[in-house]
Each structure stands twice: as C-alpha cells, then as structure tokens.
Amino acid sequence: MHTITKTRHRFAKRRDGEVVVVTGASAGVGRATARAFARRGAQVGLIARDPEALQATCRDVDALGGKGPCVSPTSRTPPKSRARRR
C-alpha cells in the first residue's frame, strides 16, 4: 500500500470521542479539515484570526456534530511601539 493511501485510510476512520484542534479554521484547508473531522465524529476546537469567517465554520462544524470551542485570539488593537534604545 502506498504511503498516501495509508494516510488517507488512517484519516478516513471514525474519530468518535477524539478531540481535535484546527488552526486556520476560517478558510481553505483549515476549514475543510475541521469539517472532515466533524463528519467523522470528532469534537473539533477551532482557532482562526477572522472572527466572522470563524463563526461560519463553527456553524458548519456544529451542524455536522463536531461541537467544540471556537476561538479568535487576535486583538484588533495595534501593539504599542517600543521606544528605541541607544
């Protein structure tokens, strides 16, 4: 069996009761990964920078049965600039 086939087979199995955390979950590969784990029965925690897009992914994951926390850890305020040391 090829390595790719083995990986796909391992990923495709049921994940009932497992906890998975997906970063970058608001779009692209992160969103697809979160949905795939939810479909397989995992409890999925989601982390992403875009709170609006993250909420859309949270709704998708909840509808698929993968209820878990959704966190957008970024701050909207810019960091304070440091005084230049001499």
Protein backbone atom coordinates (compact mmCIF):
# COMPACT_ATOMS: atom_id res chain seq x y z
CA MET A 1 0.00 0.00 0.00
CA HIS A 2 1.38 3.43 -0.90
CA THR A 3 2.09 5.98 1.82
CA ILE A 4 -0.61 8.35 0.54
CA THR A 5 -3.18 5.55 0.54
CA LYS A 6 -2.21 4.59 4.11
CA THR A 7 -2.56 8.20 5.25
CA ARG A 8 -5.96 8.57 3.62
CA HIS A 9 -7.13 5.30 5.18
CA ARG A 10 -6.00 6.39 8.66
CA PHE A 11 -7.69 9.78 8.27
CA ALA A 12 -10.94 8.28 6.93
CA LYS A 13 -11.69 6.18 10.02
CA ARG A 14 -14.25 7.25 12.61
CA ARG A 15 -12.97 9.68 15.26
CA ASP A 16 -15.76 9.29 17.81
CA GLY A 17 -14.76 10.79 21.14
CA GLU A 18 -11.46 12.21 19.89
CA VAL A 19 -10.69 15.88 20.39
CA VAL A 20 -9.09 17.79 17.51
CA VAL A 21 -7.92 21.41 17.41
CA VAL A 22 -7.67 23.06 13.99
CA THR A 23 -5.84 26.33 13.45
CA GLY A 24 -6.58 28.49 10.44
CA ALA A 25 -10.12 27.13 10.54
CA SER A 26 -11.87 30.08 8.93
CA ALA A 27 -11.00 29.21 5.31
CA GLY A 28 -9.27 26.88 2.90
CA VAL A 29 -7.54 23.75 4.14
CA GLY A 30 -8.24 24.57 7.80
CA ARG A 31 -11.97 24.84 7.22
CA ALA A 32 -12.05 21.67 5.11
CA THR A 33 -10.06 19.79 7.77
CA ALA A 34 -12.40 20.94 10.55
CA ARG A 35 -15.46 19.83 8.59
CA ALA A 36 -13.87 16.46 7.72
CA PHE A 37 -13.07 15.68 11.37
CA ALA A 38 -16.58 16.74 12.42
CA ARG A 39 -18.09 14.39 9.82
CA ARG A 40 -16.07 11.55 11.33
CA GLY A 41 -17.34 12.16 14.86
CA ALA A 42 -14.52 14.16 16.44
CA GLN A 43 -15.11 17.07 18.79
CA VAL A 44 -13.46 19.95 16.96
CA GLY A 45 -11.99 23.09 18.52
CA LEU A 46 -11.42 25.90 16.05
CA ILE A 47 -8.91 28.75 16.07
CA ALA A 48 -8.72 31.49 13.44
CA ARG A 49 -7.91 35.19 13.08
CA ASP A 50 -11.09 36.21 11.23
CA PRO A 51 -13.96 36.11 13.76
CA GLU A 52 -16.75 36.41 11.18
CA ALA A 53 -15.43 33.61 8.97
CA LEU A 54 -14.69 31.53 12.07
CA GLN A 55 -18.34 31.76 13.15
CA ALA A 56 -19.40 30.41 9.75
CA THR A 57 -17.07 27.43 10.18
CA CYS A 58 -18.38 26.93 13.74
CA ARG A 59 -21.92 26.69 12.39
CA ASP A 60 -20.81 24.13 9.78
CA VAL A 61 -18.96 22.03 12.36
CA ASP A 62 -21.90 22.19 14.81
CA ALA A 63 -24.30 21.05 12.07
CA LEU A 64 -22.01 18.08 11.37
CA GLY A 65 -21.95 17.11 15.07
CA GLY A 66 -18.42 18.24 15.91
CA LYS A 67 -19.31 20.74 18.62
CA GLY A 68 -16.32 22.39 20.26
CA PRO A 69 -14.98 25.81 21.21
CA CYS A 70 -14.34 28.50 18.59
CA VAL A 71 -11.60 30.99 19.45
CA SER A 72 -10.36 34.07 17.65
CA PRO A 73 -7.33 35.04 19.76
CA THR A 74 -6.17 38.09 17.85
CA SER A 75 -6.51 41.60 19.15
CA ARG A 76 -7.83 44.34 16.90
CA THR A 77 -5.72 47.00 18.59
CA PRO A 78 -2.22 47.55 17.21
CA PRO A 79 0.69 46.84 19.56
CA LYS A 80 2.37 49.80 21.23
CA SER A 81 5.60 50.77 19.58
CA ARG A 82 8.73 50.33 21.66
CA ALA A 83 10.94 53.28 22.40
CA ARG A 84 14.22 52.91 20.60
CA ARG A 85 17.10 52.16 22.94
CA ARG A 86 20.54 53.65 22.38
